[in-house]
C-alpha cells in the first residue's frame, strides 16, 4: 500500500497519514493476533524503526565526493568506504557480542 502511494503521490501530506494508518493497523494486529510478550517486542521494533533517520546516502556522498564536488571532504575511494568501513563495523559488532557474552 505504501509503495503504491509513494509512487503515485509524491506529496508528504498524503504519504504521512497513510504511513500512520498502516502503522496503527500493524500495532492493532500485533495486539490481537500475537501473544502479549511477542506483540510488545514487535510493537517496540515497529516504533523504533519508524522513528529513525537514515543518512547513509548522504554520508556515502560526503565520504566519496572528490575535491571538485566538496573540497573539504575526506575524499575516500568507493572501495575503501564500502570495504574498510564494513570490515571495521563487523569487527566491532563481533567485539560487542563477545564482550556482552563474556561479562553479562
C-alpha atoms as a PDB file:
ATOM      1  CA  UNK A   1       0.000   0.000   0.000  1.00  0.00           C
ATOM      2  CA  UNK A   2       2.725   2.461   0.984  1.00  0.00           C
ATOM      3  CA  UNK A   3       4.820   1.640  -2.070  1.00  0.00           C
ATOM      4  CA  UNK A   4       1.937   2.326  -4.436  1.00  0.00           C
ATOM      5  CA  UNK A   5       1.024   5.551  -2.658  1.00  0.00           C
ATOM      6  CA  UNK A   6       4.646   6.656  -2.707  1.00  0.00           C
ATOM      7  CA  UNK A   7       4.886   6.028  -6.435  1.00  0.00           C
ATOM      8  CA  UNK A   8       1.555   7.612  -7.331  1.00  0.00           C
ATOM      9  CA  UNK A   9       1.552  10.544  -4.903  1.00  0.00           C
ATOM     10  CA  UNK A  10       4.760  12.357  -4.081  1.00  0.00           C
ATOM     11  CA  UNK A  11       3.058  14.599  -1.548  1.00  0.00           C
ATOM     12  CA  UNK A  12       4.058  14.175   2.112  1.00  0.00           C
ATOM     13  CA  UNK A  13       0.551  15.328   3.052  1.00  0.00           C
ATOM     14  CA  UNK A  14      -0.781  12.097   1.514  1.00  0.00           C
ATOM     15  CA  UNK A  15       2.045   9.704   2.394  1.00  0.00           C
ATOM     16  CA  UNK A  16       2.458  10.667   6.072  1.00  0.00           C
ATOM     17  CA  UNK A  17      -1.156   9.971   7.101  1.00  0.00           C
ATOM     18  CA  UNK A  18      -1.118   6.753   5.076  1.00  0.00           C
ATOM     19  CA  UNK A  19       2.027   5.617   6.900  1.00  0.00           C
ATOM     20  CA  UNK A  20       0.456   6.475  10.253  1.00  0.00           C
ATOM     21  CA  UNK A  21      -2.677   4.486   9.377  1.00  0.00           C
ATOM     22  CA  UNK A  22      -0.636   1.470   8.270  1.00  0.00           C
ATOM     23  CA  UNK A  23       1.461   1.626  11.458  1.00  0.00           C
ATOM     24  CA  UNK A  24      -1.703   1.816  13.566  1.00  0.00           C
ATOM     25  CA  UNK A  25      -3.195  -1.182  11.779  1.00  0.00           C
ATOM     26  CA  UNK A  26       0.046  -3.091  12.352  1.00  0.00           C
ATOM     27  CA  UNK A  27       0.073  -2.256  16.067  1.00  0.00           C
ATOM     28  CA  UNK A  28      -3.549  -3.365  16.433  1.00  0.00           C
ATOM     29  CA  UNK A  29      -2.824  -6.552  14.504  1.00  0.00           C
ATOM     30  CA  UNK A  30       0.139  -7.275  16.794  1.00  0.00           C
ATOM     31  CA  UNK A  31      -2.085  -6.867  19.841  1.00  0.00           C
ATOM     32  CA  UNK A  32      -4.890  -9.038  18.516  1.00  0.00           C
ATOM     33  CA  UNK A  33      -3.003 -11.817  16.742  1.00  0.00           C
ATOM     34  CA  UNK A  34       0.145 -12.369  18.820  1.00  0.00           C
ATOM     35  CA  UNK A  35       0.920 -13.359  22.372  1.00  0.00           C
ATOM     36  CA  UNK A  36       1.401 -10.260  24.551  1.00  0.00           C
ATOM     37  CA  UNK A  37       5.157 -10.644  25.040  1.00  0.00           C
ATOM     38  CA  UNK A  38       5.768 -11.066  21.295  1.00  0.00           C
ATOM     39  CA  UNK A  39       3.338  -8.258  20.450  1.00  0.00           C
ATOM     40  CA  UNK A  40       5.203  -5.867  22.770  1.00  0.00           C
ATOM     41  CA  UNK A  41       8.565  -6.678  21.183  1.00  0.00           C
ATOM     42  CA  UNK A  42       7.174  -6.293  17.666  1.00  0.00           C
ATOM     43  CA  UNK A  43       5.481  -3.037  18.621  1.00  0.00           C
ATOM     44  CA  UNK A  44       8.753  -1.721  20.056  1.00  0.00           C
ATOM     45  CA  UNK A  45      10.656  -2.601  16.874  1.00  0.00           C
ATOM     46  CA  UNK A  46       7.956  -1.031  14.695  1.00  0.00           C
ATOM     47  CA  UNK A  47       8.014   2.220  16.659  1.00  0.00           C
ATOM     48  CA  UNK A  48      11.814   2.238  16.845  1.00  0.00           C
ATOM     49  CA  UNK A  49      12.285   1.688  13.121  1.00  0.00           C
ATOM     50  CA  UNK A  50       9.652   4.272  12.224  1.00  0.00           C
ATOM     51  CA  UNK A  51      11.370   6.928  14.363  1.00  0.00           C
ATOM     52  CA  UNK A  52      14.901   6.544  12.948  1.00  0.00           C
ATOM     53  CA  UNK A  53      16.500   8.709  10.306  1.00  0.00           C
ATOM     54  CA  UNK A  54      18.742   7.233   7.648  1.00  0.00           C
ATOM     55  CA  UNK A  55      21.666   9.313   6.455  1.00  0.00           C
ATOM     56  CA  UNK A  56      23.533   6.520   4.690  1.00  0.00           C
ATOM     57  CA  UNK A  57      23.088   8.004   1.206  1.00  0.00           C
ATOM     58  CA  UNK A  58      24.228  11.445   2.304  1.00  0.00           C
ATOM     59  CA  UNK A  59      27.204  10.076   4.211  1.00  0.00           C
ATOM     60  CA  UNK A  60      28.262   7.948   1.227  1.00  0.00           C
ATOM     61  CA  UNK A  61      28.486  11.026  -0.978  1.00  0.00           C
ATOM     62  CA  UNK A  62      30.135  13.070   1.772  1.00  0.00           C
ATOM     63  CA  UNK A  63      32.911  10.500   2.184  1.00  0.00           C
ATOM     64  CA  UNK A  64      33.412   9.688  -1.503  1.00  0.00           C
ATOM     65  CA  UNK A  65      32.957  13.038  -3.284  1.00  0.00           C
ATOM     66  CA  UNK A  66      36.066  14.346  -4.980  1.00  0.00           C
ATOM     67  CA  UNK A  67      37.736  17.710  -4.382  1.00  0.00           C
ATOM     68  CA  UNK A  68      35.703  19.338  -7.158  1.00  0.00           C
ATOM     69  CA  UNK A  69      32.358  18.407  -5.518  1.00  0.00           C
ATOM     70  CA  UNK A  70      33.372  19.052  -1.896  1.00  0.00           C
ATOM     71  CA  UNK A  71      36.877  20.459  -1.403  1.00  0.00           C
ATOM     72  CA  UNK A  72      36.912  19.985   2.400  1.00  0.00           C
ATOM     73  CA  UNK A  73      35.725  16.362   2.393  1.00  0.00           C
ATOM     74  CA  UNK A  74      37.791  13.275   3.217  1.00  0.00           C
ATOM     75  CA  UNK A  75      37.761  12.019  -0.426  1.00  0.00           C
ATOM     76  CA  UNK A  76      37.797   8.274   0.311  1.00  0.00           C
ATOM     77  CA  UNK A  77      37.639   5.879  -2.596  1.00  0.00           C
ATOM     78  CA  UNK A  78      34.389   3.961  -3.040  1.00  0.00           C
ATOM     79  CA  UNK A  79      36.255   0.702  -2.418  1.00  0.00           C
ATOM     80  CA  UNK A  80      37.721   1.951   0.849  1.00  0.00           C
ATOM     81  CA  UNK A  81      34.394   3.335   2.057  1.00  0.00           C
ATOM     82  CA  UNK A  82      32.431   0.160   1.351  1.00  0.00           C
ATOM     83  CA  UNK A  83      35.103  -2.400   2.277  1.00  0.00           C
ATOM     84  CA  UNK A  84      37.119  -0.880   5.119  1.00  0.00           C
ATOM     85  CA  UNK A  85      34.141   0.691   6.891  1.00  0.00           C
ATOM     86  CA  UNK A  86      32.207  -2.573   6.518  1.00  0.00           C
ATOM     87  CA  UNK A  87      35.063  -4.640   7.959  1.00  0.00           C
ATOM     88  CA  UNK A  88      35.613  -2.262  10.871  1.00  0.00           C
ATOM     89  CA  UNK A  89      31.885  -2.200  11.602  1.00  0.00           C
ATOM     90  CA  UNK A  90      31.707  -6.006  11.534  1.00  0.00           C
ATOM     91  CA  UNK A  91      34.772  -6.328  13.763  1.00  0.00           C
ATOM     92  CA  UNK A  92      33.317  -4.008  16.389  1.00  0.00           C
ATOM     93  CA  UNK A  93      29.960  -5.780  16.200  1.00  0.00           C
ATOM     94  CA  UNK A  94      31.678  -9.085  16.923  1.00  0.00           C
ATOM     95  CA  UNK A  95      33.677  -7.459  19.725  1.00  0.00           C
ATOM     96  CA  UNK A  96      30.454  -6.131  21.236  1.00  0.00           C
ATOM     97  CA  UNK A  97      28.802  -9.558  21.068  1.00  0.00           C
ATOM     98  CA  UNK A  98      31.850 -11.191  22.638  1.00  0.00           C
ATOM     99  CA  UNK A  99      32.010  -8.579  25.415  1.00  0.00           C
ATOM    100  CA  UNK A 100      28.312  -8.981  26.154  1.00  0.00           C
ATOM    101  CA  UNK A 101      28.561 -12.781  26.247  1.00  0.00           C
ATOM    102  CA  UNK A 102      31.629 -12.663  28.457  1.00  0.00           C
ATOM    103  CA  UNK A 103      30.580 -10.063  31.026  1.00  0.00           C
ATOM    104  CA  UNK A 104      26.760 -10.131  31.033  1.00  0.00           C
END
